[in-house]
Amino acid sequence: MIVVKVTYSVHDDYVHTNKKMIESFLKDFRKLDGTQFLYTILQGGESNTFVHISQYKNKEIQDQLLKVQSFLHFQEQRDKNLAVEPKIEFMNFIGSSNDSF
């Protein structure tokens, strides 16, 4: 399993747009085989900081998601509106309350 955590902050005036862009790529992600990955986005309260946690069964599904056009567009627009550069962390999966892939 591949687990990646990305934390970033956008400019305050971009928070609403960022949420809309997230909704757009999540809609496209839901059309894919959800038994192969879990993609979760969190916002720090009412702040401008977002955390994306992605869990992939394997490299193939990770590559597939990273090529989704709405996700690529989200990343491009987010990068133009960053207040703090993304911090990317590769995590080690230990366990969860539900069965994984």
N, C-alpha and C. Protein backbone atom coordinates (compact mmCIF):
# COMPACT_ATOMS: atom_id res chain seq x y z
N MET A 1 0.85 -1.18 0.00
CA MET A 1 0.00 0.00 0.00
C MET A 1 0.89 1.24 0.00
N ILE A 2 0.44 2.23 -0.72
CA ILE A 2 1.14 3.52 -0.79
C ILE A 2 0.26 4.55 -0.07
N VAL A 3 0.85 5.28 0.87
CA VAL A 3 0.10 6.31 1.60
C VAL A 3 0.90 7.61 1.52
N VAL A 4 0.22 8.67 1.07
CA VAL A 4 0.87 9.96 0.91
C VAL A 4 0.02 11.02 1.61
N LYS A 5 0.69 11.88 2.36
CA LYS A 5 0.03 13.01 3.04
C LYS A 5 0.62 14.29 2.48
N VAL A 6 -0.26 15.16 1.97
CA VAL A 6 0.17 16.46 1.45
C VAL A 6 -0.54 17.55 2.24
N THR A 7 0.25 18.45 2.81
CA THR A 7 -0.28 19.58 3.58
C THR A 7 0.15 20.86 2.91
N TYR A 8 -0.79 21.78 2.72
CA TYR A 8 -0.47 23.06 2.07
C TYR A 8 -1.45 24.12 2.53
N SER A 9 -1.09 25.37 2.31
CA SER A 9 -1.98 26.50 2.61
C SER A 9 -2.11 27.35 1.36
N VAL A 10 -3.34 27.82 1.14
CA VAL A 10 -3.61 28.72 0.02
C VAL A 10 -3.90 30.11 0.57
N HIS A 11 -3.89 31.09 -0.29
CA HIS A 11 -4.24 32.45 0.12
C HIS A 11 -5.69 32.46 0.59
N ASP A 12 -5.99 33.29 1.56
CA ASP A 12 -7.34 33.33 2.15
C ASP A 12 -8.43 33.52 1.10
N ASP A 13 -8.18 34.35 0.12
CA ASP A 13 -9.22 34.62 -0.88
C ASP A 13 -9.39 33.47 -1.88
N TYR A 14 -8.60 32.42 -1.76
CA TYR A 14 -8.69 31.27 -2.67
C TYR A 14 -9.33 30.04 -1.99
N VAL A 15 -9.60 30.11 -0.70
CA VAL A 15 -10.12 28.96 0.04
C VAL A 15 -11.39 28.41 -0.60
N HIS A 16 -12.35 29.25 -0.89
CA HIS A 16 -13.62 28.80 -1.48
C HIS A 16 -13.39 28.14 -2.84
N THR A 17 -12.59 28.76 -3.66
CA THR A 17 -12.29 28.19 -4.98
C THR A 17 -11.57 26.86 -4.85
N ASN A 18 -10.65 26.76 -3.90
CA ASN A 18 -9.93 25.52 -3.67
C ASN A 18 -10.91 24.39 -3.34
N LYS A 19 -11.88 24.69 -2.49
CA LYS A 19 -12.89 23.69 -2.13
C LYS A 19 -13.69 23.25 -3.34
N LYS A 20 -14.04 24.19 -4.20
CA LYS A 20 -14.79 23.87 -5.42
C LYS A 20 -13.96 22.98 -6.35
N MET A 21 -12.68 23.28 -6.46
CA MET A 21 -11.79 22.49 -7.31
C MET A 21 -11.66 21.07 -6.75
N ILE A 22 -11.60 20.95 -5.43
CA ILE A 22 -11.54 19.64 -4.78
C ILE A 22 -12.80 18.85 -5.08
N GLU A 23 -13.96 19.49 -4.94
CA GLU A 23 -15.22 18.82 -5.25
C GLU A 23 -15.23 18.27 -6.67
N SER A 24 -14.66 19.03 -7.59
CA SER A 24 -14.64 18.63 -8.99
C SER A 24 -13.81 17.37 -9.21
N PHE A 25 -12.59 17.32 -8.67
CA PHE A 25 -11.79 16.12 -8.92
C PHE A 25 -12.30 14.93 -8.12
N LEU A 26 -12.90 15.17 -6.94
CA LEU A 26 -13.47 14.06 -6.19
C LEU A 26 -14.63 13.42 -6.95
N LYS A 27 -15.40 14.24 -7.63
CA LYS A 27 -16.50 13.72 -8.45
C LYS A 27 -15.94 12.76 -9.51
N ASP A 28 -14.84 13.12 -10.12
CA ASP A 28 -14.21 12.25 -11.12
C ASP A 28 -13.58 11.02 -10.46
N PHE A 29 -12.99 11.18 -9.29
CA PHE A 29 -12.40 10.04 -8.57
C PHE A 29 -13.48 9.01 -8.24
N ARG A 30 -14.68 9.48 -7.92
CA ARG A 30 -15.77 8.56 -7.54
C ARG A 30 -16.21 7.69 -8.72
N LYS A 31 -15.86 8.06 -9.92
CA LYS A 31 -16.20 7.27 -11.10
C LYS A 31 -15.23 6.09 -11.29
N LEU A 32 -14.14 6.10 -10.54
CA LEU A 32 -13.12 5.06 -10.65
C LEU A 32 -13.40 3.94 -9.64
N ASP A 33 -12.63 2.88 -9.69
CA ASP A 33 -12.80 1.74 -8.80
C ASP A 33 -12.37 2.10 -7.38
N GLY A 34 -13.32 2.45 -6.55
CA GLY A 34 -13.06 2.89 -5.19
C GLY A 34 -12.54 1.79 -4.27
N THR A 35 -12.50 0.57 -4.74
CA THR A 35 -11.93 -0.51 -3.92
C THR A 35 -10.41 -0.52 -4.01
N GLN A 36 -9.84 0.33 -4.87
CA GLN A 36 -8.40 0.36 -5.10
C GLN A 36 -7.69 1.53 -4.42
N PHE A 37 -8.45 2.48 -3.88
CA PHE A 37 -7.85 3.66 -3.28
C PHE A 37 -8.83 4.36 -2.35
N LEU A 38 -8.29 5.20 -1.48
CA LEU A 38 -9.08 6.09 -0.63
C LEU A 38 -8.38 7.44 -0.65
N TYR A 39 -9.11 8.48 -0.99
CA TYR A 39 -8.54 9.82 -1.06
C TYR A 39 -9.37 10.71 -0.16
N THR A 40 -8.74 11.30 0.87
CA THR A 40 -9.44 12.09 1.87
C THR A 40 -8.81 13.48 1.94
N ILE A 41 -9.67 14.50 2.03
CA ILE A 41 -9.18 15.88 2.17
C ILE A 41 -9.77 16.45 3.45
N LEU A 42 -8.92 17.12 4.22
CA LEU A 42 -9.33 17.75 5.47
C LEU A 42 -8.92 19.22 5.43
N GLN A 43 -9.68 20.04 6.13
CA GLN A 43 -9.34 21.46 6.27
C GLN A 43 -9.17 21.75 7.74
N GLY A 44 -8.13 22.51 8.07
CA GLY A 44 -7.88 22.89 9.45
C GLY A 44 -8.89 23.92 9.93
N GLY A 45 -10.01 23.48 10.48
CA GLY A 45 -11.06 24.39 10.96
C GLY A 45 -11.51 25.30 9.84
N GLU A 46 -11.47 26.58 10.07
CA GLU A 46 -11.83 27.57 9.05
C GLU A 46 -10.58 28.19 8.45
N SER A 47 -9.48 27.48 8.55
CA SER A 47 -8.21 28.05 8.09
C SER A 47 -8.02 27.84 6.59
N ASN A 48 -6.90 28.29 6.12
CA ASN A 48 -6.57 28.16 4.70
C ASN A 48 -5.64 26.96 4.46
N THR A 49 -5.52 26.08 5.46
CA THR A 49 -4.65 24.92 5.36
C THR A 49 -5.46 23.66 5.08
N PHE A 50 -4.99 22.90 4.12
CA PHE A 50 -5.64 21.67 3.69
C PHE A 50 -4.66 20.51 3.81
N VAL A 51 -5.22 19.34 4.12
CA VAL A 51 -4.43 18.11 4.19
C VAL A 51 -5.11 17.08 3.29
N HIS A 52 -4.34 16.53 2.36
CA HIS A 52 -4.83 15.47 1.49
C HIS A 52 -4.12 14.19 1.90
N ILE A 53 -4.89 13.15 2.18
CA ILE A 53 -4.32 11.85 2.53
C ILE A 53 -4.81 10.85 1.49
N SER A 54 -3.87 10.29 0.76
CA SER A 54 -4.23 9.33 -0.28
C SER A 54 -3.65 7.96 0.06
N GLN A 55 -4.50 6.96 -0.09
CA GLN A 55 -4.09 5.58 0.14
C GLN A 55 -4.37 4.82 -1.15
N TYR A 56 -3.34 4.20 -1.69
CA TYR A 56 -3.46 3.47 -2.95
C TYR A 56 -3.09 2.01 -2.74
N LYS A 57 -3.84 1.13 -3.37
CA LYS A 57 -3.53 -0.29 -3.29
C LYS A 57 -2.18 -0.59 -3.93
N ASN A 58 -1.89 0.14 -5.03
CA ASN A 58 -0.63 -0.11 -5.74
C ASN A 58 -0.27 1.10 -6.60
N LYS A 59 0.87 1.03 -7.23
CA LYS A 59 1.39 2.12 -8.06
C LYS A 59 0.50 2.38 -9.28
N GLU A 60 -0.11 1.35 -9.82
CA GLU A 60 -0.96 1.50 -11.01
C GLU A 60 -2.15 2.41 -10.74
N ILE A 61 -2.84 2.20 -9.60
CA ILE A 61 -3.99 3.06 -9.31
C ILE A 61 -3.53 4.45 -8.95
N GLN A 62 -2.39 4.58 -8.29
CA GLN A 62 -1.85 5.90 -7.99
C GLN A 62 -1.59 6.66 -9.29
N ASP A 63 -0.94 6.02 -10.23
CA ASP A 63 -0.66 6.66 -11.53
C ASP A 63 -1.94 7.06 -12.24
N GLN A 64 -2.96 6.22 -12.16
CA GLN A 64 -4.24 6.51 -12.81
C GLN A 64 -4.87 7.77 -12.22
N LEU A 65 -4.90 7.87 -10.91
CA LEU A 65 -5.50 9.04 -10.27
C LEU A 65 -4.71 10.31 -10.56
N LEU A 66 -3.40 10.21 -10.55
CA LEU A 66 -2.57 11.39 -10.78
C LEU A 66 -2.68 11.92 -12.20
N LYS A 67 -3.31 11.16 -13.09
CA LYS A 67 -3.48 11.59 -14.48
C LYS A 67 -4.90 12.10 -14.78
N VAL A 68 -5.79 12.07 -13.79
CA VAL A 68 -7.16 12.55 -13.99
C VAL A 68 -7.10 14.05 -14.28
N GLN A 69 -7.71 14.45 -15.38
CA GLN A 69 -7.59 15.83 -15.86
C GLN A 69 -8.04 16.87 -14.83
N SER A 70 -9.15 16.62 -14.15
CA SER A 70 -9.63 17.60 -13.16
C SER A 70 -8.67 17.70 -11.98
N PHE A 71 -7.96 16.62 -11.66
CA PHE A 71 -6.97 16.66 -10.59
C PHE A 71 -5.74 17.45 -11.03
N LEU A 72 -5.31 17.24 -12.25
CA LEU A 72 -4.19 18.01 -12.79
C LEU A 72 -4.52 19.50 -12.82
N HIS A 73 -5.75 19.84 -13.22
CA HIS A 73 -6.18 21.24 -13.25
C HIS A 73 -6.21 21.82 -11.83
N PHE A 74 -6.72 21.04 -10.87
CA PHE A 74 -6.72 21.47 -9.47
C PHE A 74 -5.31 21.81 -9.02
N GLN A 75 -4.36 20.91 -9.27
CA GLN A 75 -2.98 21.13 -8.83
C GLN A 75 -2.38 22.39 -9.47
N GLU A 76 -2.65 22.57 -10.73
CA GLU A 76 -2.12 23.74 -11.45
C GLU A 76 -2.65 25.03 -10.83
N GLN A 77 -3.95 25.10 -10.58
CA GLN A 77 -4.55 26.30 -10.01
C GLN A 77 -4.14 26.50 -8.55
N ARG A 78 -4.09 25.40 -7.80
CA ARG A 78 -3.65 25.49 -6.41
C ARG A 78 -2.24 26.06 -6.32
N ASP A 79 -1.36 25.57 -7.18
CA ASP A 79 0.03 26.00 -7.13
C ASP A 79 0.18 27.49 -7.41
N LYS A 80 -0.74 28.06 -8.15
CA LYS A 80 -0.72 29.50 -8.43
C LYS A 80 -1.22 30.33 -7.25
N ASN A 81 -1.83 29.66 -6.27
CA ASN A 81 -2.46 30.37 -5.15
C ASN A 81 -1.96 29.92 -3.79
N LEU A 82 -0.78 29.36 -3.76
CA LEU A 82 -0.22 28.86 -2.50
C LEU A 82 0.27 29.99 -1.60
N ALA A 83 -0.06 29.88 -0.33
CA ALA A 83 0.50 30.77 0.69
C ALA A 83 1.70 30.08 1.33
N VAL A 84 1.65 28.75 1.40
CA VAL A 84 2.74 27.94 1.94
C VAL A 84 2.91 26.73 1.02
N GLU A 85 4.13 26.47 0.64
CA GLU A 85 4.44 25.35 -0.27
C GLU A 85 3.95 24.03 0.33
N PRO A 86 3.52 23.10 -0.53
CA PRO A 86 3.08 21.79 -0.04
C PRO A 86 4.20 21.02 0.65
N LYS A 87 3.83 20.35 1.71
CA LYS A 87 4.74 19.42 2.38
C LYS A 87 4.23 18.02 2.04
N ILE A 88 5.06 17.22 1.38
CA ILE A 88 4.67 15.89 0.96
C ILE A 88 5.38 14.87 1.84
N GLU A 89 4.57 13.99 2.44
CA GLU A 89 5.12 12.96 3.31
C GLU A 89 4.63 11.59 2.84
N PHE A 90 5.55 10.65 2.70
CA PHE A 90 5.19 9.27 2.41
C PHE A 90 5.09 8.56 3.76
N MET A 91 3.93 7.98 4.01
CA MET A 91 3.64 7.40 5.31
C MET A 91 3.70 5.88 5.24
N ASN A 92 3.92 5.26 6.39
CA ASN A 92 3.89 3.80 6.51
C ASN A 92 2.57 3.39 7.12
N PHE A 93 1.80 2.57 6.40
CA PHE A 93 0.51 2.10 6.90
C PHE A 93 0.74 1.08 8.00
N ILE A 94 0.09 1.28 9.14
CA ILE A 94 0.20 0.35 10.25
C ILE A 94 -1.09 -0.47 10.40
N GLY A 95 -2.23 0.20 10.32
CA GLY A 95 -3.50 -0.50 10.45
C GLY A 95 -4.66 0.49 10.50
N SER A 96 -5.88 -0.04 10.46
CA SER A 96 -7.07 0.80 10.53
C SER A 96 -8.23 -0.01 11.10
N SER A 97 -9.31 0.67 11.41
CA SER A 97 -10.47 0.01 11.98
C SER A 97 -11.27 -0.75 10.92
N ASN A 98 -11.01 -0.46 9.64
CA ASN A 98 -11.69 -1.16 8.53
C ASN A 98 -10.66 -1.93 7.73
N ASP A 99 -11.16 -2.92 7.01
CA ASP A 99 -10.26 -3.66 6.12
C ASP A 99 -9.78 -2.74 5.01
N SER A 100 -8.52 -2.90 4.67
CA SER A 100 -7.95 -2.16 3.55
C SER A 100 -8.16 -2.96 2.27
N PHE A 101 -7.63 -2.46 1.24
CA PHE A 101 -7.81 -3.03 -0.08
C PHE A 101 -7.52 -4.49 -0.07
